Amino acid sequence: MTKAKKLSIGLALIIICALVAAAVWKNWTQLGLAIGPSCGLKVNGANSSIVIKGWTSPFVCGYLKNKYNTYLGPSSNNPTTQTVCVYKYDGDMIYIHDAGSLKIVGSLLCYGLHNLQHSST
């Protein structure tokens, strides 16, 4: 193999690696939602739960659990109940689920997330 051919293969590999790195960087948030961590919290005494997906979801769940420990407990990351609302917050997706017939607690959680989302912009 000639020196010129080795150089062209090396440059091609560098360009391909740069393109892959740029694609990963541009889609980092979406990758976090697809393959990143998630966590779940349930509302004590209600049939409602919160699921957070994204790169920082363990920290968000930890914060919520510490701040509202009397109201929230651990839950499954994949509840089977109906999704009441979905909010994007700091690159994470927050899903509110409620199995209650009137969905009162879920609606109140959605209202609080709506206010949180609009107060941070």
PDB file of N, CA and C in Angstrom:
ATOM      1  N   MET A   1       0.846  -1.167   0.000  1.00  0.00           N
ATOM      2  CA  MET A   1       0.000   0.000   0.000  1.00  0.00           C
ATOM      3  C   MET A   1       0.898   1.239   0.000  1.00  0.00           C
ATOM      4  N   THR A   2       0.562   2.162  -0.859  1.00  0.00           N
ATOM      5  CA  THR A   2       1.391   3.361  -0.979  1.00  0.00           C
ATOM      6  C   THR A   2       1.114   4.340   0.158  1.00  0.00           C
ATOM      7  N   LYS A   3       2.040   5.250   0.333  1.00  0.00           N
ATOM      8  CA  LYS A   3       1.914   6.255   1.383  1.00  0.00           C
ATOM      9  C   LYS A   3       0.692   7.154   1.144  1.00  0.00           C
ATOM     10  N   ALA A   4       0.419   7.501  -0.113  1.00  0.00           N
ATOM     11  CA  ALA A   4      -0.728   8.354  -0.443  1.00  0.00           C
ATOM     12  C   ALA A   4      -2.048   7.650  -0.122  1.00  0.00           C
ATOM     13  N   LYS A   5      -2.112   6.342  -0.390  1.00  0.00           N
ATOM     14  CA  LYS A   5      -3.334   5.582  -0.123  1.00  0.00           C
ATOM     15  C   LYS A   5      -3.569   5.488   1.387  1.00  0.00           C
ATOM     16  N   LYS A   6      -2.494   5.243   2.166  1.00  0.00           N
ATOM     17  CA  LYS A   6      -2.615   5.196   3.622  1.00  0.00           C
ATOM     18  C   LYS A   6      -3.101   6.535   4.172  1.00  0.00           C
ATOM     19  N   LEU A   7      -2.574   7.622   3.607  1.00  0.00           N
ATOM     20  CA  LEU A   7      -2.974   8.956   4.038  1.00  0.00           C
ATOM     21  C   LEU A   7      -4.445   9.215   3.730  1.00  0.00           C
ATOM     22  N   SER A   8      -4.912   8.818   2.549  1.00  0.00           N
ATOM     23  CA  SER A   8      -6.315   9.046   2.188  1.00  0.00           C
ATOM     24  C   SER A   8      -7.248   8.202   3.058  1.00  0.00           C
ATOM     25  N   ILE A   9      -6.850   6.970   3.394  1.00  0.00           N
ATOM     26  CA  ILE A   9      -7.671   6.141   4.284  1.00  0.00           C
ATOM     27  C   ILE A   9      -7.703   6.762   5.685  1.00  0.00           C
ATOM     28  N   GLY A  10      -6.577   7.245   6.158  1.00  0.00           N
ATOM     29  CA  GLY A  10      -6.517   7.897   7.465  1.00  0.00           C
ATOM     30  C   GLY A  10      -7.392   9.139   7.521  1.00  0.00           C
ATOM     31  N   LEU A  11      -7.349   9.960   6.483  1.00  0.00           N
ATOM     32  CA  LEU A  11      -8.195  11.164   6.436  1.00  0.00           C
ATOM     33  C   LEU A  11      -9.673  10.794   6.380  1.00  0.00           C
ATOM     34  N   ALA A  12     -10.011   9.770   5.625  1.00  0.00           N
ATOM     35  CA  ALA A  12     -11.405   9.327   5.542  1.00  0.00           C
ATOM     36  C   ALA A  12     -11.909   8.870   6.912  1.00  0.00           C
ATOM     37  N   LEU A  13     -11.081   8.121   7.645  1.00  0.00           N
ATOM     38  CA  LEU A  13     -11.463   7.676   8.985  1.00  0.00           C
ATOM     39  C   LEU A  13     -11.641   8.857   9.947  1.00  0.00           C
ATOM     40  N   ILE A  14     -10.763   9.832   9.855  1.00  0.00           N
ATOM     41  CA  ILE A  14     -10.892  11.025  10.711  1.00  0.00           C
ATOM     42  C   ILE A  14     -12.187  11.773  10.402  1.00  0.00           C
ATOM     43  N   ILE A  15     -12.516  11.917   9.134  1.00  0.00           N
ATOM     44  CA  ILE A  15     -13.747  12.612   8.741  1.00  0.00           C
ATOM     45  C   ILE A  15     -14.970  11.841   9.219  1.00  0.00           C
ATOM     46  N   ILE A  16     -14.958  10.522   9.067  1.00  0.00           N
ATOM     47  CA  ILE A  16     -16.092   9.708   9.522  1.00  0.00           C
ATOM     48  C   ILE A  16     -16.262   9.831  11.037  1.00  0.00           C
ATOM     49  N   CYS A  17     -15.178   9.754  11.781  1.00  0.00           N
ATOM     50  CA  CYS A  17     -15.247   9.897  13.242  1.00  0.00           C
ATOM     51  C   CYS A  17     -15.778  11.274  13.642  1.00  0.00           C
ATOM     52  N   ALA A  18     -15.360  12.307  12.948  1.00  0.00           N
ATOM     53  CA  ALA A  18     -15.833  13.661  13.238  1.00  0.00           C
ATOM     54  C   ALA A  18     -17.330  13.780  12.963  1.00  0.00           C
ATOM     55  N   LEU A  19     -17.800  13.181  11.876  1.00  0.00           N
ATOM     56  CA  LEU A  19     -19.229  13.223  11.557  1.00  0.00           C
ATOM     57  C   LEU A  19     -20.059  12.464  12.591  1.00  0.00           C
ATOM     58  N   VAL A  20     -19.570  11.314  13.025  1.00  0.00           N
ATOM     59  CA  VAL A  20     -20.279  10.544  14.053  1.00  0.00           C
ATOM     60  C   VAL A  20     -20.314  11.329  15.369  1.00  0.00           C
ATOM     61  N   ALA A  21     -19.199  11.922  15.750  1.00  0.00           N
ATOM     62  CA  ALA A  21     -19.152  12.714  16.982  1.00  0.00           C
ATOM     63  C   ALA A  21     -20.103  13.907  16.912  1.00  0.00           C
ATOM     64  N   ALA A  22     -20.174  14.563  15.765  1.00  0.00           N
ATOM     65  CA  ALA A  22     -21.089  15.698  15.602  1.00  0.00           C
ATOM     66  C   ALA A  22     -22.543  15.248  15.697  1.00  0.00           C
ATOM     67  N   ALA A  23     -22.860  14.100  15.121  1.00  0.00           N
ATOM     68  CA  ALA A  23     -24.236  13.589  15.184  1.00  0.00           C
ATOM     69  C   ALA A  23     -24.622  13.233  16.614  1.00  0.00           C
ATOM     70  N   VAL A  24     -23.692  12.618  17.359  1.00  0.00           N
ATOM     71  CA  VAL A  24     -23.972  12.274  18.754  1.00  0.00           C
ATOM     72  C   VAL A  24     -24.145  13.545  19.575  1.00  0.00           C
ATOM     73  N   TRP A  25     -23.269  14.525  19.374  1.00  0.00           N
ATOM     74  CA  TRP A  25     -23.360  15.783  20.120  1.00  0.00           C
ATOM     75  C   TRP A  25     -24.680  16.496  19.859  1.00  0.00           C
ATOM     76  N   LYS A  26     -25.086  16.541  18.594  1.00  0.00           N
ATOM     77  CA  LYS A  26     -26.319  17.243  18.227  1.00  0.00           C
ATOM     78  C   LYS A  26     -27.551  16.554  18.809  1.00  0.00           C
ATOM     79  N   ASN A  27     -27.520  15.243  18.931  1.00  0.00           N
ATOM     80  CA  ASN A  27     -28.681  14.476  19.384  1.00  0.00           C
ATOM     81  C   ASN A  27     -28.512  13.921  20.789  1.00  0.00           C
ATOM     82  N   TRP A  28     -27.681  14.552  21.616  1.00  0.00           N
ATOM     83  CA  TRP A  28     -27.395  14.053  22.944  1.00  0.00           C
ATOM     84  C   TRP A  28     -28.655  13.933  23.798  1.00  0.00           C
ATOM     85  N   THR A  29     -29.524  14.942  23.770  1.00  0.00           N
ATOM     86  CA  THR A  29     -30.750  14.901  24.570  1.00  0.00           C
ATOM     87  C   THR A  29     -31.660  13.776  24.124  1.00  0.00           C
ATOM     88  N   GLN A  30     -31.831  13.615  22.807  1.00  0.00           N
ATOM     89  CA  GLN A  30     -32.681  12.542  22.299  1.00  0.00           C
ATOM     90  C   GLN A  30     -32.106  11.173  22.644  1.00  0.00           C
ATOM     91  N   LEU A  31     -30.795  11.041  22.623  1.00  0.00           N
ATOM     92  CA  LEU A  31     -30.174   9.780  23.022  1.00  0.00           C
ATOM     93  C   LEU A  31     -30.457   9.486  24.496  1.00  0.00           C
ATOM     94  N   GLY A  32     -30.429  10.513  25.319  1.00  0.00           N
ATOM     95  CA  GLY A  32     -30.736  10.330  26.739  1.00  0.00           C
ATOM     96  C   GLY A  32     -32.149   9.857  26.961  1.00  0.00           C
ATOM     97  N   LEU A  33     -33.081  10.367  26.158  1.00  0.00           N
ATOM     98  CA  LEU A  33     -34.471   9.943  26.286  1.00  0.00           C
ATOM     99  C   LEU A  33     -34.662   8.511  25.812  1.00  0.00           C
ATOM    100  N   ALA A  34     -33.883   8.108  24.805  1.00  0.00           N
ATOM    101  CA  ALA A  34     -34.040   6.767  24.229  1.00  0.00           C
ATOM    102  C   ALA A  34     -33.292   5.700  25.021  1.00  0.00           C
ATOM    103  N   ILE A  35     -32.048   5.964  25.376  1.00  0.00           N
ATOM    104  CA  ILE A  35     -31.236   4.924  26.011  1.00  0.00           C
ATOM    105  C   ILE A  35     -30.720   5.328  27.385  1.00  0.00           C
ATOM    106  N   GLY A  36     -31.020   6.544  27.817  1.00  0.00           N
ATOM    107  CA  GLY A  36     -30.532   7.032  29.102  1.00  0.00           C
ATOM    108  C   GLY A  36     -31.320   6.470  30.263  1.00  0.00           C
ATOM    109  N   PRO A  37     -30.964   6.871  31.464  1.00  0.00           N
ATOM    110  CA  PRO A  37     -31.640   6.364  32.654  1.00  0.00           C
ATOM    111  C   PRO A  37     -33.047   6.930  32.808  1.00  0.00           C
ATOM    112  N   SER A  38     -33.833   6.281  33.627  1.00  0.00           N
ATOM    113  CA  SER A  38     -35.159   6.786  33.984  1.00  0.00           C
ATOM    114  C   SER A  38     -35.440   6.393  35.429  1.00  0.00           C
ATOM    115  N   CYS A  39     -36.391   7.063  36.035  1.00  0.00           N
ATOM    116  CA  CYS A  39     -36.773   6.738  37.400  1.00  0.00           C
ATOM    117  C   CYS A  39     -38.252   7.019  37.584  1.00  0.00           C
ATOM    118  N   GLY A  40     -38.823   6.420  38.599  1.00  0.00           N
ATOM    119  CA  GLY A  40     -40.241   6.598  38.858  1.00  0.00           C
ATOM    120  C   GLY A  40     -40.516   6.894  40.317  1.00  0.00           C
ATOM    121  N   LEU A  41     -41.534   7.701  40.543  1.00  0.00           N
ATOM    122  CA  LEU A  41     -42.000   8.038  41.887  1.00  0.00           C
ATOM    123  C   LEU A  41     -43.518   7.894  41.907  1.00  0.00           C
ATOM    124  N   LYS A  42     -44.052   7.405  43.028  1.00  0.00           N
ATOM    125  CA  LYS A  42     -45.507   7.326  43.149  1.00  0.00           C
ATOM    126  C   LYS A  42     -45.961   8.334  44.197  1.00  0.00           C
ATOM    127  N   VAL A  43     -47.179   8.794  44.037  1.00  0.00           N
ATOM    128  CA  VAL A  43     -47.762   9.704  45.015  1.00  0.00           C
ATOM    129  C   VAL A  43     -48.402   8.833  46.088  1.00  0.00           C
ATOM    130  N   ASN A  44     -47.943   8.971  47.323  1.00  0.00           N
ATOM    131  CA  ASN A  44     -48.471   8.160  48.420  1.00  0.00           C
ATOM    132  C   ASN A  44     -49.961   8.435  48.621  1.00  0.00           C
ATOM    133  N   GLY A  45     -50.749   7.378  48.733  1.00  0.00           N
ATOM    134  CA  GLY A  45     -52.179   7.509  48.980  1.00  0.00           C
ATOM    135  C   GLY A  45     -52.991   7.824  47.741  1.00  0.00           C
ATOM    136  N   ALA A  46     -52.380   7.839  46.594  1.00  0.00           N
ATOM    137  CA  ALA A  46     -53.101   8.121  45.350  1.00  0.00           C
ATOM    138  C   ALA A  46     -52.647   7.114  44.300  1.00  0.00           C
ATOM    139  N   ASN A  47     -53.360   7.058  43.224  1.00  0.00           N
ATOM    140  CA  ASN A  47     -53.046   6.140  42.135  1.00  0.00           C
ATOM    141  C   ASN A  47     -52.290   6.874  41.033  1.00  0.00           C
ATOM    142  N   SER A  48     -51.400   7.768  41.420  1.00  0.00           N
ATOM    143  CA  SER A  48     -50.667   8.596  40.463  1.00  0.00           C
ATOM    144  C   SER A  48     -49.174   8.338  40.591  1.00  0.00           C
ATOM    145  N   SER A  49     -48.463   8.551  39.492  1.00  0.00           N
ATOM    146  CA  SER A  49     -47.017   8.377  39.519  1.00  0.00           C
ATOM    147  C   SER A  49     -46.351   9.354  38.564  1.00  0.00           C
ATOM    148  N   ILE A  50     -45.062   9.541  38.791  1.00  0.00           N
ATOM    149  CA  ILE A  50     -44.236  10.416  37.968  1.00  0.00           C
ATOM    150  C   ILE A  50     -43.099   9.558  37.423  1.00  0.00           C
ATOM    151  N   VAL A  51     -42.864   9.631  36.118  1.00  0.00           N
ATOM    152  CA  VAL A  51     -41.731   8.946  35.503  1.00  0.00           C
ATOM    153  C   VAL A  51     -40.893  10.009  34.803  1.00  0.00           C
ATOM    154  N   ILE A  52     -39.593  10.001  35.068  1.00  0.00           N
ATOM    155  CA  ILE A  52     -38.680  10.967  34.464  1.00  0.00           C
ATOM    156  C   ILE A  52     -37.654  10.197  33.650  1.00  0.00           C
ATOM    157  N   LYS A  53     -37.485  10.603  32.394  1.00  0.00           N
ATOM    158  CA  LYS A  53     -36.529   9.945  31.496  1.00  0.00           C
ATOM    159  C   LYS A  53     -35.540  10.977  30.983  1.00  0.00           C
ATOM    160  N   GLY A  54     -34.283  10.610  30.947  1.00  0.00           N
ATOM    161  CA  GLY A  54     -33.236  11.498  30.439  1.00  0.00           C
ATOM    162  C   GLY A  54     -31.976  11.350  31.255  1.00  0.00           C
ATOM    163  N   TRP A  55     -30.911  12.013  30.805  1.00  0.00           N
ATOM    164  CA  TRP A  55     -29.605  11.859  31.429  1.00  0.00           C
ATOM    165  C   TRP A  55     -29.595  12.268  32.888  1.00  0.00           C
ATOM    166  N   THR A  56     -30.347  13.293  33.277  1.00  0.00           N
ATOM    167  CA  THR A  56     -30.294  13.772  34.662  1.00  0.00           C
ATOM    168  C   THR A  56     -31.459  13.260  35.507  1.00  0.00           C
ATOM    169  N   SER A  57     -32.221  12.294  35.001  1.00  0.00           N
ATOM    170  CA  SER A  57     -33.403  11.822  35.732  1.00  0.00           C
ATOM    171  C   SER A  57     -33.100  11.282  37.136  1.00  0.00           C
ATOM    172  N   PRO A  58     -32.009  10.553  37.375  1.00  0.00           N
ATOM    173  CA  PRO A  58     -31.766  10.101  38.754  1.00  0.00           C
ATOM    174  C   PRO A  58     -31.591  11.260  39.743  1.00  0.00           C
ATOM    175  N   PHE A  59     -30.971  12.349  39.286  1.00  0.00           N
ATOM    176  CA  PHE A  59     -30.784  13.514  40.154  1.00  0.00           C
ATOM    177  C   PHE A  59     -32.107  14.224  40.415  1.00  0.00           C
ATOM    178  N   VAL A  60     -32.945  14.322  39.369  1.00  0.00           N
ATOM    179  CA  VAL A  60     -34.254  14.969  39.525  1.00  0.00           C
ATOM    180  C   VAL A  60     -35.121  14.157  40.478  1.00  0.00           C
ATOM    181  N   CYS A  61     -35.141  12.828  40.316  1.00  0.00           N
ATOM    182  CA  CYS A  61     -35.916  11.979  41.226  1.00  0.00           C
ATOM    183  C   CYS A  61     -35.402  12.087  42.656  1.00  0.00           C
ATOM    184  N   GLY A  62     -34.097  12.083  42.815  1.00  0.00           N
ATOM    185  CA  GLY A  62     -33.525  12.234  44.151  1.00  0.00           C
ATOM    186  C   GLY A  62     -33.910  13.548  44.796  1.00  0.00           C
ATOM    187  N   TYR A  63     -33.877  14.614  44.012  1.00  0.00           N
ATOM    188  CA  TYR A  63     -34.272  15.927  44.523  1.00  0.00           C
ATOM    189  C   TYR A  63     -35.743  15.925  44.944  1.00  0.00           C
ATOM    190  N   LEU A  64     -36.613  15.415  44.068  1.00  0.00           N
ATOM    191  CA  LEU A  64     -38.042  15.388  44.385  1.00  0.00           C
ATOM    192  C   LEU A  64     -38.321  14.516  45.598  1.00  0.00           C
ATOM    193  N   LYS A  65     -37.655  13.364  45.680  1.00  0.00           N
ATOM    194  CA  LYS A  65     -37.872  12.450  46.800  1.00  0.00           C
ATOM    195  C   LYS A  65     -37.432  13.093  48.110  1.00  0.00           C
ATOM    196  N   ASN A  66     -36.310  13.811  48.095  1.00  0.00           N
ATOM    197  CA  ASN A  66     -35.839  14.478  49.313  1.00  0.00           C
ATOM    198  C   ASN A  66     -36.721  15.652  49.697  1.00  0.00           C
ATOM    199  N   LYS A  67     -37.176  16.396  48.716  1.00  0.00           N
ATOM    200  CA  LYS A  67     -37.981  17.589  49.004  1.00  0.00           C
ATOM    201  C   LYS A  67     -39.403  17.229  49.432  1.00  0.00           C
ATOM    202  N   TYR A  68     -39.980  16.218  48.806  1.00  0.00           N
ATOM    203  CA  TYR A  68     -41.371  15.849  49.074  1.00  0.00           C
ATOM    204  C   TYR A  68     -41.464  14.419  49.607  1.00  0.00           C
ATOM    205  N   ASN A  69     -40.573  14.045  50.533  1.00  0.00           N
ATOM    206  CA  ASN A  69     -40.504  12.655  50.972  1.00  0.00           C
ATOM    207  C   ASN A  69     -41.773  12.166  51.649  1.00  0.00           C
ATOM    208  N   THR A  70     -42.590  13.039  52.200  1.00  0.00           N
ATOM    209  CA  THR A  70     -43.836  12.586  52.814  1.00  0.00           C
ATOM    210  C   THR A  70     -44.888  12.251  51.768  1.00  0.00           C
ATOM    211  N   TYR A  71     -44.747  12.805  50.573  1.00  0.00           N
ATOM    212  CA  TYR A  71     -45.760  12.613  49.536  1.00  0.00           C
ATOM    213  C   TYR A  71     -45.356  11.592  48.469  1.00  0.00           C
ATOM    214  N   LEU A  72     -44.047  11.388  48.297  1.00  0.00           N
ATOM    215  CA  LEU A  72     -43.577  10.556  47.196  1.00  0.00           C
ATOM    216  C   LEU A  72     -42.812   9.343  47.689  1.00  0.00           C
ATOM    217  N   GLY A  73     -42.982   8.225  46.974  1.00  0.00           N
ATOM    218  CA  GLY A  73     -42.247   7.002  47.262  1.00  0.00           C
ATOM    219  C   GLY A  73     -41.758   6.398  45.961  1.00  0.00           C
ATOM    220  N   PRO A  74     -40.925   5.350  46.031  1.00  0.00           N
ATOM    221  CA  PRO A  74     -40.411   4.727  44.805  1.00  0.00           C
ATOM    222  C   PRO A  74     -41.512   4.038  44.012  1.00  0.00           C
ATOM    223  N   SER A  75     -41.339   3.997  42.713  1.00  0.00           N
ATOM    224  CA  SER A  75     -42.331   3.393  41.823  1.00  0.00           C
ATOM    225  C   SER A  75     -41.626   2.784  40.628  1.00  0.00           C
ATOM    226  N   SER A  76     -42.388   2.069  39.850  1.00  0.00           N
ATOM    227  CA  SER A  76     -41.869   1.466  38.618  1.00  0.00           C
ATOM    228  C   SER A  76     -41.595   2.546  37.583  1.00  0.00           C
ATOM    229  N   ASN A  77     -40.598   2.312  36.741  1.00  0.00           N
ATOM    230  CA  ASN A  77     -40.307   3.238  35.646  1.00  0.00           C
ATOM    231  C   ASN A  77     -41.271   3.054  34.485  1.00  0.00           C
ATOM    232  N   ASN A  78     -42.045   1.982  34.499  1.00  0.00           N
ATOM    233  CA  ASN A  78     -42.961   1.683  33.399  1.00  0.00           C
ATOM    234  C   ASN A  78     -44.374   1.426  33.917  1.00  0.00           C
ATOM    235  N   PRO A  79     -45.049   2.476  34.406  1.00  0.00           N
ATOM    236  CA  PRO A  79     -46.409   2.254  34.900  1.00  0.00           C
ATOM    237  C   PRO A  79     -47.355   1.892  33.757  1.00  0.00           C
ATOM    238  N   THR A  80     -48.383   1.152  34.102  1.00  0.00           N
ATOM    239  CA  THR A  80     -49.355   0.726  33.085  1.00  0.00           C
ATOM    240  C   THR A  80     -50.564   1.646  33.037  1.00  0.00           C
ATOM    241  N   THR A  81     -50.572   2.682  33.862  1.00  0.00           N
ATOM    242  CA  THR A  81     -51.710   3.596  33.884  1.00  0.00           C
ATOM    243  C   THR A  81     -51.598   4.640  32.777  1.00  0.00           C
ATOM    244  N   GLN A  82     -52.701   5.316  32.554  1.00  0.00           N
ATOM    245  CA  GLN A  82     -52.790   6.302  31.474  1.00  0.00           C
ATOM    246  C   GLN A  82     -51.906   7.518  31.759  1.00  0.00           C
ATOM    247  N   THR A  83     -51.239   8.008  30.714  1.00  0.00           N
ATOM    248  CA  THR A  83     -50.439   9.227  30.822  1.00  0.00           C
ATOM    249  C   THR A  83     -51.371  10.428  30.769  1.00  0.00           C
ATOM    250  N   VAL A  84     -51.290  11.284  31.780  1.00  0.00           N
ATOM    251  CA  VAL A  84     -52.139  12.473  31.844  1.00  0.00           C
ATOM    252  C   VAL A  84     -51.479  13.633  31.109  1.00  0.00           C
ATOM    253  N   CYS A  85     -50.164  13.811  31.297  1.00  0.00           N
ATOM    254  CA  CYS A  85     -49.453  14.884  30.604  1.00  0.00           C
ATOM    255  C   CYS A  85     -47.968  14.543  30.507  1.00  0.00           C
ATOM    256  N   VAL A  86     -47.308  15.232  29.613  1.00  0.00           N
ATOM    257  CA  VAL A  86     -45.867  15.055  29.395  1.00  0.00           C
ATOM    258  C   VAL A  86     -45.254  16.445  29.287  1.00  0.00           C
ATOM    259  N   TYR A  87     -44.168  16.659  30.026  1.00  0.00           N
ATOM    260  CA  TYR A  87     -43.472  17.939  29.974  1.00  0.00           C
ATOM    261  C   TYR A  87     -41.988  17.707  29.758  1.00  0.00           C
ATOM    262  N   LYS A  88     -41.386  18.583  28.995  1.00  0.00           N
ATOM    263  CA  LYS A  88     -39.935  18.564  28.826  1.00  0.00           C
ATOM    264  C   LYS A  88     -39.362  19.608  29.769  1.00  0.00           C
ATOM    265  N   TYR A  89     -38.386  19.188  30.585  1.00  0.00           N
ATOM    266  CA  TYR A  89     -37.786  20.103  31.535  1.00  0.00           C
ATOM    267  C   TYR A  89     -36.285  19.843  31.602  1.00  0.00           C
ATOM    268  N   ASP A  90     -35.490  20.808  31.221  1.00  0.00           N
ATOM    269  CA  ASP A  90     -34.021  20.710  31.238  1.00  0.00           C
ATOM    270  C   ASP A  90     -33.504  19.463  30.522  1.00  0.00           C
ATOM    271  N   GLY A  91     -34.081  19.132  29.389  1.00  0.00           N
ATOM    272  CA  GLY A  91     -33.633  17.996  28.599  1.00  0.00           C
ATOM    273  C   GLY A  91     -34.236  16.665  28.998  1.00  0.00           C
ATOM    274  N   ASP A  92     -34.926  16.607  30.124  1.00  0.00           N
ATOM    275  CA  ASP A  92     -35.592  15.381  30.555  1.00  0.00           C
ATOM    276  C   ASP A  92     -37.071  15.452  30.179  1.00  0.00           C
ATOM    277  N   MET A  93     -37.676  14.292  30.022  1.00  0.00           N
ATOM    278  CA  MET A  93     -39.120  14.218  29.799  1.00  0.00           C
ATOM    279  C   MET A  93     -39.753  13.727  31.094  1.00  0.00           C
ATOM    280  N   ILE A  94     -40.785  14.432  31.539  1.00  0.00           N
ATOM    281  CA  ILE A  94     -41.492  14.074  32.768  1.00  0.00           C
ATOM    282  C   ILE A  94     -42.899  13.636  32.372  1.00  0.00           C
ATOM    283  N   TYR A  95     -43.244  12.399  32.736  1.00  0.00           N
ATOM    284  CA  TYR A  95     -44.544  11.824  32.414  1.00  0.00           C
ATOM    285  C   TYR A  95     -45.351  11.687  33.699  1.00  0.00           C
ATOM    286  N   ILE A  96     -46.579  12.179  33.683  1.00  0.00           N
ATOM    287  CA  ILE A  96     -47.480  12.040  34.825  1.00  0.00           C
ATOM    288  C   ILE A  96     -48.524  10.993  34.456  1.00  0.00           C
ATOM    289  N   HIS A  97     -48.659   9.984  35.314  1.00  0.00           N
ATOM    290  CA  HIS A  97     -49.634   8.913  35.111  1.00  0.00           C
ATOM    291  C   HIS A  97     -50.651   8.948  36.241  1.00  0.00           C
ATOM    292  N   ASP A  98     -51.904   8.615  35.934  1.00  0.00           N
ATOM    293  CA  ASP A  98     -52.941   8.587  36.948  1.00  0.00           C
ATOM    294  C   ASP A  98     -53.963   7.523  36.577  1.00  0.00           C
ATOM    295  N   ALA A  99     -54.222   6.614  37.499  1.00  0.00           N
ATOM    296  CA  ALA A  99     -55.212   5.559  37.263  1.00  0.00           C
ATOM    297  C   ALA A  99     -56.551   5.882  37.910  1.00  0.00           C
ATOM    298  N   GLY A 100     -56.643   7.009  38.605  1.00  0.00           N
ATOM    299  CA  GLY A 100     -57.907   7.389  39.231  1.00  0.00           C
ATOM    300  C   GLY A 100     -58.952   7.744  38.184  1.00  0.00           C
ATOM    301  N   SER A 101     -60.215   7.568  38.540  1.00  0.00           N
ATOM    302  CA  SER A 101     -61.278   7.812  37.555  1.00  0.00           C
ATOM    303  C   SER A 101     -61.394   9.288  37.187  1.00  0.00           C
ATOM    304  N   LEU A 102     -61.152  10.182  38.127  1.00  0.00           N
ATOM    305  CA  LEU A 102     -61.264  11.617  37.827  1.00  0.00           C
ATOM    306  C   LEU A 102     -59.917  12.267  37.517  1.00  0.00           C
ATOM    307  N   LYS A 103     -58.831  11.567  37.788  1.00  0.00           N
ATOM    308  CA  LYS A 103     -57.473  12.035  37.503  1.00  0.00           C
ATOM    309  C   LYS A 103     -57.174  13.388  38.175  1.00  0.00           C
ATOM    310  N   ILE A 104     -57.675  13.549  39.390  1.00  0.00           N
ATOM    311  CA  ILE A 104     -57.504  14.817  40.107  1.00  0.00           C
ATOM    312  C   ILE A 104     -56.039  15.038  40.491  1.00  0.00           C
ATOM    313  N   VAL A 105     -55.400  14.041  41.096  1.00  0.00           N
ATOM    314  CA  VAL A 105     -54.016  14.198  41.541  1.00  0.00           C
ATOM    315  C   VAL A 105     -53.100  14.378  40.337  1.00  0.00           C
ATOM    316  N   GLY A 106     -53.312  13.579  39.291  1.00  0.00           N
ATOM    317  CA  GLY A 106     -52.509  13.717  38.075  1.00  0.00           C
ATOM    318  C   GLY A 106     -52.650  15.088  37.453  1.00  0.00           C
ATOM    319  N   SER A 107     -53.867  15.609  37.442  1.00  0.00           N
ATOM    320  CA  SER A 107     -54.099  16.945  36.881  1.00  0.00           C
ATOM    321  C   SER A 107     -53.411  18.020  37.714  1.00  0.00           C
ATOM    322  N   LEU A 108     -53.426  17.858  39.032  1.00  0.00           N
ATOM    323  CA  LEU A 108     -52.737  18.824  39.894  1.00  0.00           C
ATOM    324  C   LEU A 108     -51.222  18.770  39.682  1.00  0.00           C
ATOM    325  N   LEU A 109     -50.686  17.565  39.502  1.00  0.00           N
ATOM    326  CA  LEU A 109     -49.250  17.447  39.206  1.00  0.00           C
ATOM    327  C   LEU A 109     -48.918  18.116  37.877  1.00  0.00           C
ATOM    328  N   CYS A 110     -49.782  17.926  36.878  1.00  0.00           N
ATOM    329  CA  CYS A 110     -49.572  18.558  35.570  1.00  0.00           C
ATOM    330  C   CYS A 110     -49.602  20.081  35.696  1.00  0.00           C
ATOM    331  N   TYR A 111     -50.532  20.577  36.491  1.00  0.00           N
ATOM    332  CA  TYR A 111     -50.641  22.016  36.697  1.00  0.00           C
ATOM    333  C   TYR A 111     -49.361  22.560  37.338  1.00  0.00           C
ATOM    334  N   GLY A 112     -48.849  21.836  38.348  1.00  0.00           N
ATOM    335  CA  GLY A 112     -47.594  22.254  38.989  1.00  0.00           C
ATOM    336  C   GLY A 112     -46.429  22.220  38.034  1.00  0.00           C
ATOM    337  N   LEU A 113     -46.349  21.192  37.181  1.00  0.00           N
ATOM    338  CA  LEU A 113     -45.257  21.118  36.184  1.00  0.00           C
ATOM    339  C   LEU A 113     -45.390  22.220  35.141  1.00  0.00           C
ATOM    340  N   HIS A 114     -46.598  22.526  34.770  1.00  0.00           N
ATOM    341  CA  HIS A 114     -46.838  23.598  33.801  1.00  0.00           C
ATOM    342  C   HIS A 114     -46.300  24.915  34.363  1.00  0.00           C
ATOM    343  N   ASN A 115     -46.613  25.194  35.628  1.00  0.00           N
ATOM    344  CA  ASN A 115     -46.122  26.424  36.261  1.00  0.00           C
ATOM    345  C   ASN A 115     -44.607  26.406  36.404  1.00  0.00           C
ATOM    346  N   LEU A 116     -44.039  25.262  36.757  1.00  0.00           N
ATOM    347  CA  LEU A 116     -42.591  25.135  36.880  1.00  0.00           C
ATOM    348  C   LEU A 116     -41.909  25.377  35.533  1.00  0.00           C
ATOM    349  N   GLN A 117     -42.463  24.808  34.488  1.00  0.00           N
ATOM    350  CA  GLN A 117     -41.879  24.948  33.154  1.00  0.00           C
ATOM    351  C   GLN A 117     -41.912  26.401  32.698  1.00  0.00           C
ATOM    352  N   HIS A 118     -42.996  27.094  32.958  1.00  0.00           N
ATOM    353  CA  HIS A 118     -43.117  28.467  32.488  1.00  0.00           C
ATOM    354  C   HIS A 118     -42.419  29.470  33.406  1.00  0.00           C
ATOM    355  N   SER A 119     -42.144  29.092  34.652  1.00  0.00           N
ATOM    356  CA  SER A 119     -41.406  30.004  35.524  1.00  0.00           C
ATOM    357  C   SER A 119     -39.911  29.952  35.243  1.00  0.00           C
ATOM    358  N   SER A 120     -39.441  28.864  34.592  1.00  0.00           N
ATOM    359  CA  SER A 120     -38.008  28.729  34.346  1.00  0.00           C
ATOM    360  C   SER A 120     -37.597  29.322  33.006  1.00  0.00           C
ATOM    361  N   THR A 121     -38.541  29.773  32.194  1.00  0.00           N
ATOM    362  CA  THR A 121     -38.191  30.334  30.891  1.00  0.00           C
ATOM    363  C   THR A 121     -38.085  31.830  30.939  1.00  0.00           C
TER     364      THR A 121
END
